[in-house]
Amino acid sequence: MAFEHLRPKPLTAITSAWGHALVDALEQLYDADRQLERKVDATRADLDCLACDVRDAFDRLYGKIAPLYMDEYGRVGVLLFELAQPALQQLLGSTFNVDVLATEASVSGEINTATESPPKVVLSPPPGKRIDTRSAYLASNSTSGEVWAYFKNSGKLVGKIYCSKFAMIPLDSIKLTGDVDEPIVVNWSGLDANSKIFYVIRYKLL
């Protein structure tokens, strides 16, 4: 310890020199405490200034934040521009209903392989549009063969079942975009006689 030499030892006389050294040590401790107190006060003042700066910045933003904006992919953001009303208060005090599914669509159906031949077009975009897939589900009661969904022209694979291993395949989060006017088809081969196929495709038109 820094002041170990001041600790009284057994059978050691207490001298005036020891007393002066003890006083000097106490003065050093007092000075160190005062310096620490000044540093704490300075830090507190800096924090107060920082808080004022944050409040000023917050006040400058007040009335300049638009309501939430969501693009075609469901990404939510904020546009900054001058508004006539304090939109920040509206933003903080209102509840926004962000329904991503409201901008998307789904198609589903069942294919009876006893009466239909592959491949089967299950989804076609309107003229000049593209299909942007978001999720897919394929299922079959066959115990053999394969079932797959894909974009007809580009061949982009949306999903596939190996029926000897899996009866269904859920793809909850995908994003495959077809070409303009390109449909999605379901194809199959080697299935059991009179098998059926069920499909669901969630998508957005671009």
Foldseek 3Di string as FASTA:
>chain_A
DVVPVLDDDPPDDDDVVSVVVVVVVVVVVVVVVVVVVVVVVVVVVVVVVVVVVVVVVVVVQFQFWAAWDADLVRDIDIDGGHDPDRVVCVNVPDDDDRDNLVQKDKFKDKDFCQPDAPKAFGWWDDAFKKKWWFWKKKFKPFLAWKKWKAWDPVGHTRDMDGNVVDGMDTGRGDTDIDDGRITMIMHIPDTDHRMMMIMMIMTHMD
